């Protein structure tokens, strides 16, 4: 395993641990105080967001809040009220991959 793969694997494990930590909290209100930094916004994202919105996001980061993890579990978890599309911790952890490898981005009209 090369250094990049090792770093990516460690980051994935840290994200999985964060998600499990949120899921196992006795008091779900504490989740809103916890946050996990996914990655710094890439040059491609900066350009796409600037083009669509006129907002400069240079230096911004993608973050996953504990409150977002709770939302995902309630709405899309194993017993989600909407669906069960994010039933497994691994499903939620894919958010970092999706953000880093998106095909396109558009504004919701």
PDB file of N, CA and C in Angstrom:
ATOM      1  N   UNK A   1       0.855  -1.182   0.000  1.00  0.00           N
ATOM      2  CA  UNK A   1       0.000   0.000   0.000  1.00  0.00           C
ATOM      3  C   UNK A   1       0.896   1.240   0.000  1.00  0.00           C
ATOM      4  N   UNK A   2       0.626   2.186  -0.915  1.00  0.00           N
ATOM      5  CA  UNK A   2       1.426   3.401  -0.963  1.00  0.00           C
ATOM      6  C   UNK A   2       0.917   4.426   0.061  1.00  0.00           C
ATOM      7  N   UNK A   3       1.646   5.516   0.196  1.00  0.00           N
ATOM      8  CA  UNK A   3       1.310   6.517   1.215  1.00  0.00           C
ATOM      9  C   UNK A   3      -0.071   7.135   0.998  1.00  0.00           C
ATOM     10  N   UNK A   4      -0.443   7.403  -0.260  1.00  0.00           N
ATOM     11  CA  UNK A   4      -1.756   7.984  -0.551  1.00  0.00           C
ATOM     12  C   UNK A   4      -2.862   7.006  -0.169  1.00  0.00           C
ATOM     13  N   UNK A   5      -2.720   5.743  -0.534  1.00  0.00           N
ATOM     14  CA  UNK A   5      -3.732   4.741  -0.181  1.00  0.00           C
ATOM     15  C   UNK A   5      -3.838   4.595   1.329  1.00  0.00           C
ATOM     16  N   UNK A   6      -2.688   4.633   2.015  1.00  0.00           N
ATOM     17  CA  UNK A   6      -2.681   4.529   3.474  1.00  0.00           C
ATOM     18  C   UNK A   6      -3.415   5.713   4.098  1.00  0.00           C
ATOM     19  N   UNK A   7      -3.169   6.917   3.594  1.00  0.00           N
ATOM     20  CA  UNK A   7      -3.837   8.120   4.092  1.00  0.00           C
ATOM     21  C   UNK A   7      -5.340   8.040   3.840  1.00  0.00           C
ATOM     22  N   UNK A   8      -5.730   7.611   2.638  1.00  0.00           N
ATOM     23  CA  UNK A   8      -7.151   7.490   2.310  1.00  0.00           C
ATOM     24  C   UNK A   8      -7.829   6.455   3.207  1.00  0.00           C
ATOM     25  N   UNK A   9      -7.156   5.354   3.464  1.00  0.00           N
ATOM     26  CA  UNK A   9      -7.713   4.308   4.312  1.00  0.00           C
ATOM     27  C   UNK A   9      -7.886   4.813   5.749  1.00  0.00           C
ATOM     28  N   UNK A  10      -6.881   5.536   6.263  1.00  0.00           N
ATOM     29  CA  UNK A  10      -6.988   6.093   7.616  1.00  0.00           C
ATOM     30  C   UNK A  10      -8.123   7.107   7.704  1.00  0.00           C
ATOM     31  N   UNK A  11      -8.263   7.946   6.678  1.00  0.00           N
ATOM     32  CA  UNK A  11      -9.343   8.938   6.658  1.00  0.00           C
ATOM     33  C   UNK A  11     -10.702   8.249   6.647  1.00  0.00           C
ATOM     34  N   UNK A  12     -10.831   7.179   5.864  1.00  0.00           N
ATOM     35  CA  UNK A  12     -12.081   6.429   5.787  1.00  0.00           C
ATOM     36  C   UNK A  12     -12.412   5.801   7.141  1.00  0.00           C
ATOM     37  N   UNK A  13     -11.418   5.245   7.802  1.00  0.00           N
ATOM     38  CA  UNK A  13     -11.629   4.630   9.116  1.00  0.00           C
ATOM     39  C   UNK A  13     -12.035   5.698  10.132  1.00  0.00           C
ATOM     40  N   UNK A  14     -11.394   6.861  10.094  1.00  0.00           N
ATOM     41  CA  UNK A  14     -11.759   7.948  11.005  1.00  0.00           C
ATOM     42  C   UNK A  14     -13.194   8.398  10.779  1.00  0.00           C
ATOM     43  N   UNK A  15     -13.614   8.495   9.507  1.00  0.00           N
ATOM     44  CA  UNK A  15     -14.987   8.890   9.196  1.00  0.00           C
ATOM     45  C   UNK A  15     -15.974   7.830   9.681  1.00  0.00           C
ATOM     46  N   UNK A  16     -15.671   6.568   9.449  1.00  0.00           N
ATOM     47  CA  UNK A  16     -16.534   5.484   9.931  1.00  0.00           C
ATOM     48  C   UNK A  16     -16.665   5.538  11.453  1.00  0.00           C
ATOM     49  N   UNK A  17     -15.549   5.787  12.131  1.00  0.00           N
ATOM     50  CA  UNK A  17     -15.579   5.900  13.595  1.00  0.00           C
ATOM     51  C   UNK A  17     -16.431   7.077  14.055  1.00  0.00           C
ATOM     52  N   UNK A  18     -16.330   8.212  13.346  1.00  0.00           N
ATOM     53  CA  UNK A  18     -17.140   9.381  13.688  1.00  0.00           C
ATOM     54  C   UNK A  18     -18.623   9.051  13.549  1.00  0.00           C
ATOM     55  N   UNK A  19     -18.996   8.425  12.448  1.00  0.00           N
ATOM     56  CA  UNK A  19     -20.397   8.079  12.210  1.00  0.00           C
ATOM     57  C   UNK A  19     -20.903   7.131  13.296  1.00  0.00           C
ATOM     58  N   UNK A  20     -20.111   6.129  13.630  1.00  0.00           N
ATOM     59  CA  UNK A  20     -20.509   5.179  14.688  1.00  0.00           C
ATOM     60  C   UNK A  20     -20.627   5.900  16.032  1.00  0.00           C
ATOM     61  N   UNK A  21     -19.717   6.829  16.311  1.00  0.00           N
ATOM     62  CA  UNK A  21     -19.771   7.600  17.553  1.00  0.00           C
ATOM     63  C   UNK A  21     -21.103   8.343  17.643  1.00  0.00           C
ATOM     64  N   UNK A  22     -21.519   8.970  16.564  1.00  0.00           N
ATOM     65  CA  UNK A  22     -22.782   9.714  16.545  1.00  0.00           C
ATOM     66  C   UNK A  22     -23.949   8.757  16.738  1.00  0.00           C
ATOM     67  N   UNK A  23     -23.938   7.645  16.033  1.00  0.00           N
ATOM     68  CA  UNK A  23     -25.034   6.676  16.136  1.00  0.00           C
ATOM     69  C   UNK A  23     -25.192   6.138  17.557  1.00  0.00           C
ATOM     70  N   UNK A  24     -24.085   6.055  18.291  1.00  0.00           N
ATOM     71  CA  UNK A  24     -24.105   5.449  19.626  1.00  0.00           C
ATOM     72  C   UNK A  24     -24.276   6.444  20.767  1.00  0.00           C
ATOM     73  N   UNK A  25     -24.460   7.715  20.466  1.00  0.00           N
ATOM     74  CA  UNK A  25     -24.647   8.711  21.518  1.00  0.00           C
ATOM     75  C   UNK A  25     -25.945   8.458  22.278  1.00  0.00           C
ATOM     76  N   UNK A  26     -25.883   8.555  23.584  1.00  0.00           N
ATOM     77  CA  UNK A  26     -27.083   8.429  24.406  1.00  0.00           C
ATOM     78  C   UNK A  26     -27.986   9.638  24.233  1.00  0.00           C
ATOM     79  N   UNK A  27     -27.371  10.818  24.099  1.00  0.00           N
ATOM     80  CA  UNK A  27     -28.108  12.072  23.937  1.00  0.00           C
ATOM     81  C   UNK A  27     -27.870  12.596  22.527  1.00  0.00           C
ATOM     82  N   UNK A  28     -28.867  12.476  21.663  1.00  0.00           N
ATOM     83  CA  UNK A  28     -28.689  12.878  20.258  1.00  0.00           C
ATOM     84  C   UNK A  28     -28.476  14.379  20.107  1.00  0.00           C
ATOM     85  N   UNK A  29     -28.809  15.174  21.117  1.00  0.00           N
ATOM     86  CA  UNK A  29     -28.579  16.623  21.044  1.00  0.00           C
ATOM     87  C   UNK A  29     -27.092  16.962  21.034  1.00  0.00           C
ATOM     88  N   UNK A  30     -26.284  16.088  21.582  1.00  0.00           N
ATOM     89  CA  UNK A  30     -24.838  16.315  21.597  1.00  0.00           C
ATOM     90  C   UNK A  30     -24.284  16.254  20.177  1.00  0.00           C
ATOM     91  N   UNK A  31     -24.930  15.480  19.322  1.00  0.00           N
ATOM     92  CA  UNK A  31     -24.453  15.297  17.941  1.00  0.00           C
ATOM     93  C   UNK A  31     -24.285  16.618  17.213  1.00  0.00           C
ATOM     94  N   UNK A  32     -25.176  17.569  17.464  1.00  0.00           N
ATOM     95  CA  UNK A  32     -25.113  18.846  16.750  1.00  0.00           C
ATOM     96  C   UNK A  32     -23.851  19.635  17.097  1.00  0.00           C
ATOM     97  N   UNK A  33     -23.182  19.255  18.164  1.00  0.00           N
ATOM     98  CA  UNK A  33     -21.959  19.937  18.570  1.00  0.00           C
ATOM     99  C   UNK A  33     -20.710  19.286  17.983  1.00  0.00           C
ATOM    100  N   UNK A  34     -20.883  18.131  17.340  1.00  0.00           N
ATOM    101  CA  UNK A  34     -19.748  17.394  16.801  1.00  0.00           C
ATOM    102  C   UNK A  34     -19.695  17.542  15.285  1.00  0.00           C
ATOM    103  N   UNK A  35     -18.479  17.545  14.754  1.00  0.00           N
ATOM    104  CA  UNK A  35     -18.272  17.823  13.341  1.00  0.00           C
ATOM    105  C   UNK A  35     -17.060  17.043  12.850  1.00  0.00           C
ATOM    106  N   UNK A  36     -17.130  16.585  11.617  1.00  0.00           N
ATOM    107  CA  UNK A  36     -16.001  15.883  10.999  1.00  0.00           C
ATOM    108  C   UNK A  36     -15.643  16.586   9.695  1.00  0.00           C
ATOM    109  N   UNK A  37     -14.389  17.006   9.563  1.00  0.00           N
ATOM    110  CA  UNK A  37     -13.938  17.660   8.334  1.00  0.00           C
ATOM    111  C   UNK A  37     -13.608  16.594   7.302  1.00  0.00           C
ATOM    112  N   UNK A  38     -14.322  16.628   6.185  1.00  0.00           N
ATOM    113  CA  UNK A  38     -14.119  15.643   5.118  1.00  0.00           C
ATOM    114  C   UNK A  38     -12.895  16.007   4.273  1.00  0.00           C
ATOM    115  N   UNK A  39     -12.915  17.196   3.678  1.00  0.00           N
ATOM    116  CA  UNK A  39     -11.766  17.653   2.902  1.00  0.00           C
ATOM    117  C   UNK A  39     -11.948  19.128   2.524  1.00  0.00           C
ATOM    118  N   UNK A  40     -10.845  19.725   2.118  1.00  0.00           N
ATOM    119  CA  UNK A  40     -10.869  21.112   1.647  1.00  0.00           C
ATOM    120  C   UNK A  40     -11.509  21.126   0.262  1.00  0.00           C
ATOM    121  N   UNK A  41     -12.305  22.134  -0.014  1.00  0.00           N
ATOM    122  CA  UNK A  41     -12.943  22.280  -1.323  1.00  0.00           C
ATOM    123  C   UNK A  41     -11.853  22.319  -2.401  1.00  0.00           C
ATOM    124  N   UNK A  42     -12.030  21.514  -3.430  1.00  0.00           N
ATOM    125  CA  UNK A  42     -11.028  21.414  -4.501  1.00  0.00           C
ATOM    126  C   UNK A  42     -11.141  22.582  -5.476  1.00  0.00           C
ATOM    127  N   UNK A  43     -10.114  22.752  -6.297  1.00  0.00           N
ATOM    128  CA  UNK A  43     -10.136  23.802  -7.326  1.00  0.00           C
ATOM    129  C   UNK A  43     -11.330  23.611  -8.253  1.00  0.00           C
ATOM    130  N   UNK A  44     -11.606  22.382  -8.644  1.00  0.00           N
ATOM    131  CA  UNK A  44     -12.742  22.112  -9.531  1.00  0.00           C
ATOM    132  C   UNK A  44     -14.047  22.560  -8.881  1.00  0.00           C
ATOM    133  N   UNK A  45     -14.222  22.229  -7.603  1.00  0.00           N
ATOM    134  CA  UNK A  45     -15.431  22.644  -6.888  1.00  0.00           C
ATOM    135  C   UNK A  45     -15.516  24.161  -6.790  1.00  0.00           C
ATOM    136  N   UNK A  46     -14.376  24.805  -6.489  1.00  0.00           N
ATOM    137  CA  UNK A  46     -14.353  26.267  -6.409  1.00  0.00           C
ATOM    138  C   UNK A  46     -14.866  26.889  -7.700  1.00  0.00           C
ATOM    139  N   UNK A  47     -14.356  26.405  -8.827  1.00  0.00           N
ATOM    140  CA  UNK A  47     -14.740  26.947 -10.138  1.00  0.00           C
ATOM    141  C   UNK A  47     -16.219  26.678 -10.411  1.00  0.00           C
ATOM    142  N   UNK A  48     -16.662  25.449 -10.179  1.00  0.00           N
ATOM    143  CA  UNK A  48     -18.060  25.094 -10.443  1.00  0.00           C
ATOM    144  C   UNK A  48     -19.019  25.928  -9.588  1.00  0.00           C
ATOM    145  N   UNK A  49     -18.698  26.090  -8.316  1.00  0.00           N
ATOM    146  CA  UNK A  49     -19.571  26.862  -7.419  1.00  0.00           C
ATOM    147  C   UNK A  49     -19.556  28.338  -7.784  1.00  0.00           C
ATOM    148  N   UNK A  50     -18.378  28.865  -8.092  1.00  0.00           N
ATOM    149  CA  UNK A  50     -18.276  30.268  -8.501  1.00  0.00           C
ATOM    150  C   UNK A  50     -19.073  30.514  -9.783  1.00  0.00           C
ATOM    151  N   UNK A  51     -18.960  29.598 -10.737  1.00  0.00           N
ATOM    152  CA  UNK A  51     -19.673  29.742 -12.005  1.00  0.00           C
ATOM    153  C   UNK A  51     -21.183  29.736 -11.784  1.00  0.00           C
ATOM    154  N   UNK A  52     -21.668  28.856 -10.942  1.00  0.00           N
ATOM    155  CA  UNK A  52     -23.105  28.718 -10.714  1.00  0.00           C
ATOM    156  C   UNK A  52     -23.695  29.794  -9.806  1.00  0.00           C
ATOM    157  N   UNK A  53     -22.923  30.207  -8.801  1.00  0.00           N
ATOM    158  CA  UNK A  53     -23.510  31.066  -7.760  1.00  0.00           C
ATOM    159  C   UNK A  53     -22.845  32.422  -7.607  1.00  0.00           C
ATOM    160  N   UNK A  54     -21.624  32.543  -8.112  1.00  0.00           N
ATOM    161  CA  UNK A  54     -20.877  33.777  -7.900  1.00  0.00           C
ATOM    162  C   UNK A  54     -20.238  33.842  -6.525  1.00  0.00           C
ATOM    163  N   UNK A  55     -20.316  32.760  -5.769  1.00  0.00           N
ATOM    164  CA  UNK A  55     -19.752  32.721  -4.415  1.00  0.00           C
ATOM    165  C   UNK A  55     -18.362  32.095  -4.466  1.00  0.00           C
ATOM    166  N   UNK A  56     -17.395  32.788  -3.856  1.00  0.00           N
ATOM    167  CA  UNK A  56     -16.022  32.299  -3.796  1.00  0.00           C
ATOM    168  C   UNK A  56     -15.878  31.412  -2.562  1.00  0.00           C
ATOM    169  N   UNK A  57     -15.624  30.112  -2.771  1.00  0.00           N
ATOM    170  CA  UNK A  57     -15.501  29.175  -1.652  1.00  0.00           C
ATOM    171  C   UNK A  57     -14.057  28.710  -1.457  1.00  0.00           C
ATOM    172  N   UNK A  58     -13.108  29.454  -2.027  1.00  0.00           N
ATOM    173  CA  UNK A  58     -11.693  29.110  -1.862  1.00  0.00           C
ATOM    174  C   UNK A  58     -11.356  29.050  -0.372  1.00  0.00           C
ATOM    175  N   UNK A  59     -10.745  27.950   0.035  1.00  0.00           N
ATOM    176  CA  UNK A  59     -10.353  27.767   1.427  1.00  0.00           C
ATOM    177  C   UNK A  59     -11.430  27.158   2.301  1.00  0.00           C
ATOM    178  N   UNK A  60     -12.620  26.950   1.768  1.00  0.00           N
ATOM    179  CA  UNK A  60     -13.700  26.319   2.531  1.00  0.00           C
ATOM    180  C   UNK A  60     -13.439  24.820   2.660  1.00  0.00           C
ATOM    181  N   UNK A  61     -14.142  24.190   3.572  1.00  0.00           N
ATOM    182  CA  UNK A  61     -14.031  22.747   3.739  1.00  0.00           C
ATOM    183  C   UNK A  61     -15.410  22.094   3.704  1.00  0.00           C
ATOM    184  N   UNK A  62     -15.419  20.826   3.303  1.00  0.00           N
ATOM    185  CA  UNK A  62     -16.629  20.015   3.400  1.00  0.00           C
ATOM    186  C   UNK A  62     -16.618  19.382   4.784  1.00  0.00           C
ATOM    187  N   UNK A  63     -17.722  19.496   5.493  1.00  0.00           N
ATOM    188  CA  UNK A  63     -17.835  18.950   6.834  1.00  0.00           C
ATOM    189  C   UNK A  63     -19.099  18.122   6.956  1.00  0.00           C
ATOM    190  N   UNK A  64     -19.035  17.112   7.799  1.00  0.00           N
ATOM    191  CA  UNK A  64     -20.205  16.304   8.108  1.00  0.00           C
ATOM    192  C   UNK A  64     -20.505  16.520   9.582  1.00  0.00           C
ATOM    193  N   UNK A  65     -21.648  17.119   9.861  1.00  0.00           N
ATOM    194  CA  UNK A  65     -22.013  17.372  11.260  1.00  0.00           C
ATOM    195  C   UNK A  65     -22.694  16.145  11.850  1.00  0.00           C
ATOM    196  N   UNK A  66     -22.604  16.033  13.155  1.00  0.00           N
ATOM    197  CA  UNK A  66     -23.311  14.950  13.835  1.00  0.00           C
ATOM    198  C   UNK A  66     -24.804  15.041  13.609  1.00  0.00           C
ATOM    199  N   UNK A  67     -25.324  16.258  13.537  1.00  0.00           N
ATOM    200  CA  UNK A  67     -26.745  16.447  13.253  1.00  0.00           C
ATOM    201  C   UNK A  67     -27.127  15.904  11.894  1.00  0.00           C
ATOM    202  N   UNK A  68     -26.230  16.048  10.915  1.00  0.00           N
ATOM    203  CA  UNK A  68     -26.480  15.494   9.583  1.00  0.00           C
ATOM    204  C   UNK A  68     -26.500  13.968   9.618  1.00  0.00           C
ATOM    205  N   UNK A  69     -25.598  13.389  10.400  1.00  0.00           N
ATOM    206  CA  UNK A  69     -25.596  11.928  10.544  1.00  0.00           C
ATOM    207  C   UNK A  69     -26.920  11.472  11.145  1.00  0.00           C
ATOM    208  N   UNK A  70     -27.393  12.178  12.178  1.00  0.00           N
ATOM    209  CA  UNK A  70     -28.683  11.823  12.774  1.00  0.00           C
ATOM    210  C   UNK A  70     -29.818  11.954  11.757  1.00  0.00           C
ATOM    211  N   UNK A  71     -29.805  13.035  10.985  1.00  0.00           N
ATOM    212  CA  UNK A  71     -30.828  13.225   9.952  1.00  0.00           C
ATOM    213  C   UNK A  71     -30.823  12.049   8.968  1.00  0.00           C
ATOM    214  N   UNK A  72     -29.641  11.689   8.503  1.00  0.00           N
ATOM    215  CA  UNK A  72     -29.522  10.583   7.552  1.00  0.00           C
ATOM    216  C   UNK A  72     -30.075   9.299   8.160  1.00  0.00           C
ATOM    217  N   UNK A  73     -29.732   9.026   9.417  1.00  0.00           N
ATOM    218  CA  UNK A  73     -30.223   7.807  10.064  1.00  0.00           C
ATOM    219  C   UNK A  73     -31.736   7.811  10.223  1.00  0.00           C
ATOM    220  N   UNK A  74     -32.278   8.935  10.641  1.00  0.00           N
ATOM    221  CA  UNK A  74     -33.734   9.019  10.861  1.00  0.00           C
ATOM    222  C   UNK A  74     -34.493   8.898   9.544  1.00  0.00           C
ATOM    223  N   UNK A  75     -34.039   9.596   8.523  1.00  0.00           N
ATOM    224  CA  UNK A  75     -34.762   9.617   7.250  1.00  0.00           C
ATOM    225  C   UNK A  75     -34.416   8.444   6.324  1.00  0.00           C
ATOM    226  N   UNK A  76     -33.136   7.993   6.357  1.00  0.00           N
ATOM    227  CA  UNK A  76     -32.676   7.040   5.349  1.00  0.00           C
ATOM    228  C   UNK A  76     -31.947   5.828   5.925  1.00  0.00           C
ATOM    229  N   UNK A  77     -31.938   5.679   7.250  1.00  0.00           N
ATOM    230  CA  UNK A  77     -31.250   4.563   7.892  1.00  0.00           C
ATOM    231  C   UNK A  77     -32.020   3.260   7.761  1.00  0.00           C
ATOM    232  N   UNK A  78     -31.603   2.266   8.519  1.00  0.00           N
ATOM    233  CA  UNK A  78     -32.211   0.934   8.448  1.00  0.00           C
ATOM    234  C   UNK A  78     -33.721   0.985   8.655  1.00  0.00           C
ATOM    235  N   UNK A  79     -34.185   1.877   9.528  1.00  0.00           N
ATOM    236  CA  UNK A  79     -35.618   2.046   9.779  1.00  0.00           C
ATOM    237  C   UNK A  79     -36.069   3.447   9.382  1.00  0.00           C
ATOM    238  N   UNK A  80     -35.489   3.968   8.323  1.00  0.00           N
ATOM    239  CA  UNK A  80     -35.750   5.340   7.897  1.00  0.00           C
ATOM    240  C   UNK A  80     -37.203   5.599   7.554  1.00  0.00           C
ATOM    241  N   UNK A  81     -37.667   6.804   7.905  1.00  0.00           N
ATOM    242  CA  UNK A  81     -39.054   7.162   7.614  1.00  0.00           C
ATOM    243  C   UNK A  81     -39.277   7.438   6.124  1.00  0.00           C
ATOM    244  N   UNK A  82     -38.209   7.725   5.391  1.00  0.00           N
ATOM    245  CA  UNK A  82     -38.341   7.972   3.945  1.00  0.00           C
ATOM    246  C   UNK A  82     -37.965   6.719   3.144  1.00  0.00           C
ATOM    247  N   UNK A  83     -36.783   6.180   3.433  1.00  0.00           N
ATOM    248  CA  UNK A  83     -36.313   4.961   2.782  1.00  0.00           C
ATOM    249  C   UNK A  83     -35.168   4.393   3.607  1.00  0.00           C
ATOM    250  N   UNK A  84     -34.578   3.314   3.151  1.00  0.00           N
ATOM    251  CA  UNK A  84     -33.440   2.730   3.879  1.00  0.00           C
ATOM    252  C   UNK A  84     -32.171   2.740   3.020  1.00  0.00           C
ATOM    253  N   UNK A  85     -32.039   3.768   2.183  1.00  0.00           N
ATOM    254  CA  UNK A  85     -30.921   3.854   1.239  1.00  0.00           C
ATOM    255  C   UNK A  85     -29.561   4.053   1.906  1.00  0.00           C
ATOM    256  N   UNK A  86     -29.556   4.434   3.174  1.00  0.00           N
ATOM    257  CA  UNK A  86     -28.298   4.632   3.910  1.00  0.00           C
ATOM    258  C   UNK A  86     -28.314   3.769   5.176  1.00  0.00           C
ATOM    259  N   UNK A  87     -28.714   2.535   5.029  1.00  0.00           N
ATOM    260  CA  UNK A  87     -28.897   1.650   6.171  1.00  0.00           C
ATOM    261  C   UNK A  87     -27.589   1.293   6.883  1.00  0.00           C
ATOM    262  N   UNK A  88     -26.489   1.336   6.164  1.00  0.00           N
ATOM    263  CA  UNK A  88     -25.213   0.915   6.731  1.00  0.00           C
ATOM    264  C   UNK A  88     -24.260   2.099   6.873  1.00  0.00           C
ATOM    265  N   UNK A  89     -23.415   2.053   7.892  1.00  0.00           N
ATOM    266  CA  UNK A  89     -22.432   3.111   8.131  1.00  0.00           C
ATOM    267  C   UNK A  89     -21.590   3.356   6.881  1.00  0.00           C
ATOM    268  N   UNK A  90     -21.224   2.304   6.179  1.00  0.00           N
ATOM    269  CA  UNK A  90     -20.436   2.431   4.944  1.00  0.00           C
ATOM    270  C   UNK A  90     -21.156   3.293   3.907  1.00  0.00           C
ATOM    271  N   UNK A  91     -22.493   3.199   3.872  1.00  0.00           N
ATOM    272  CA  UNK A  91     -23.263   4.007   2.921  1.00  0.00           C
ATOM    273  C   UNK A  91     -23.073   5.489   3.206  1.00  0.00           C
ATOM    274  N   UNK A  92     -23.143   5.862   4.463  1.00  0.00           N
ATOM    275  CA  UNK A  92     -22.966   7.269   4.841  1.00  0.00           C
ATOM    276  C   UNK A  92     -21.531   7.711   4.573  1.00  0.00           C
ATOM    277  N   UNK A  93     -20.583   6.843   4.858  1.00  0.00           N
ATOM    278  CA  UNK A  93     -19.172   7.193   4.691  1.00  0.00           C
ATOM    279  C   UNK A  93     -18.794   7.431   3.232  1.00  0.00           C
ATOM    280  N   UNK A  94     -19.606   6.995   2.308  1.00  0.00           N
ATOM    281  CA  UNK A  94     -19.325   7.234   0.887  1.00  0.00           C
ATOM    282  C   UNK A  94     -19.473   8.706   0.505  1.00  0.00           C
ATOM    283  N   UNK A  95     -19.997   9.514   1.401  1.00  0.00           N
ATOM    284  CA  UNK A  95     -20.202  10.933   1.102  1.00  0.00           C
ATOM    285  C   UNK A  95     -18.901  11.595   0.672  1.00  0.00           C
ATOM    286  N   UNK A  96     -17.794  11.236   1.308  1.00  0.00           N
ATOM    287  CA  UNK A  96     -16.508  11.834   0.942  1.00  0.00           C
ATOM    288  C   UNK A  96     -16.138  11.481  -0.494  1.00  0.00           C
ATOM    289  N   UNK A  97     -16.318  10.222  -0.874  1.00  0.00           N
ATOM    290  CA  UNK A  97     -16.016   9.791  -2.246  1.00  0.00           C
ATOM    291  C   UNK A  97     -16.904  10.518  -3.247  1.00  0.00           C
ATOM    292  N   UNK A  98     -18.187  10.611  -2.943  1.00  0.00           N
ATOM    293  CA  UNK A  98     -19.131  11.264  -3.851  1.00  0.00           C
ATOM    294  C   UNK A  98     -18.752  12.731  -4.051  1.00  0.00           C
ATOM    295  N   UNK A  99     -18.432  13.432  -2.977  1.00  0.00           N
ATOM    296  CA  UNK A  99     -18.049  14.836  -3.098  1.00  0.00           C
ATOM    297  C   UNK A  99     -16.769  15.011  -3.913  1.00  0.00           C
ATOM    298  N   UNK A 100     -15.837  14.107  -3.733  1.00  0.00           N
ATOM    299  CA  UNK A 100     -14.560  14.216  -4.425  1.00  0.00           C
ATOM    300  C   UNK A 100     -14.643  13.773  -5.885  1.00  0.00           C
ATOM    301  N   UNK A 101     -15.663  13.012  -6.247  1.00  0.00           N
ATOM    302  CA  UNK A 101     -15.736  12.420  -7.583  1.00  0.00           C
ATOM    303  C   UNK A 101     -17.061  12.692  -8.285  1.00  0.00           C
ATOM    304  N   UNK A 102     -17.656  13.847  -8.028  1.00  0.00           N
ATOM    305  CA  UNK A 102     -18.948  14.153  -8.626  1.00  0.00           C
ATOM    306  C   UNK A 102     -18.829  14.335 -10.140  1.00  0.00           C
ATOM    307  N   UNK A 103     -19.910  14.043 -10.840  1.00  0.00           N
ATOM    308  CA  UNK A 103     -19.930  14.185 -12.300  1.00  0.00           C
ATOM    309  C   UNK A 103     -20.324  15.584 -12.725  1.00  0.00           C
ATOM    310  N   UNK A 104     -21.305  16.145 -12.023  1.00  0.00           N
ATOM    311  CA  UNK A 104     -21.769  17.491 -12.360  1.00  0.00           C
ATOM    312  C   UNK A 104     -22.409  18.111 -11.142  1.00  0.00           C
ATOM    313  N   UNK A 105     -22.617  19.413 -11.231  1.00  0.00           N
ATOM    314  CA  UNK A 105     -23.268  20.140 -10.148  1.00  0.00           C
ATOM    315  C   UNK A 105     -24.194  21.169 -10.788  1.00  0.00           C
ATOM    316  N   UNK A 106     -25.319  21.399 -10.152  1.00  0.00           N
ATOM    317  CA  UNK A 106     -26.276  22.381 -10.692  1.00  0.00           C
ATOM    318  C   UNK A 106     -27.015  23.034  -9.528  1.00  0.00           C
ATOM    319  N   UNK A 107     -27.555  24.187  -9.790  1.00  0.00           N
ATOM    320  CA  UNK A 107     -28.378  24.883  -8.798  1.00  0.00           C
ATOM    321  C   UNK A 107     -29.792  24.329  -8.876  1.00  0.00           C
ATOM    322  N   UNK A 108     -30.382  24.161  -7.731  1.00  0.00           N
ATOM    323  CA  UNK A 108     -31.788  23.742  -7.683  1.00  0.00           C
ATOM    324  C   UNK A 108     -32.636  24.955  -7.987  1.00  0.00           C
ATOM    325  N   UNK A 109     -33.547  24.799  -8.942  1.00  0.00           N
ATOM    326  CA  UNK A 109     -34.372  25.945  -9.326  1.00  0.00           C
ATOM    327  C   UNK A 109     -35.680  25.971  -8.576  1.00  0.00           C
TER     328      UNK A 109
END
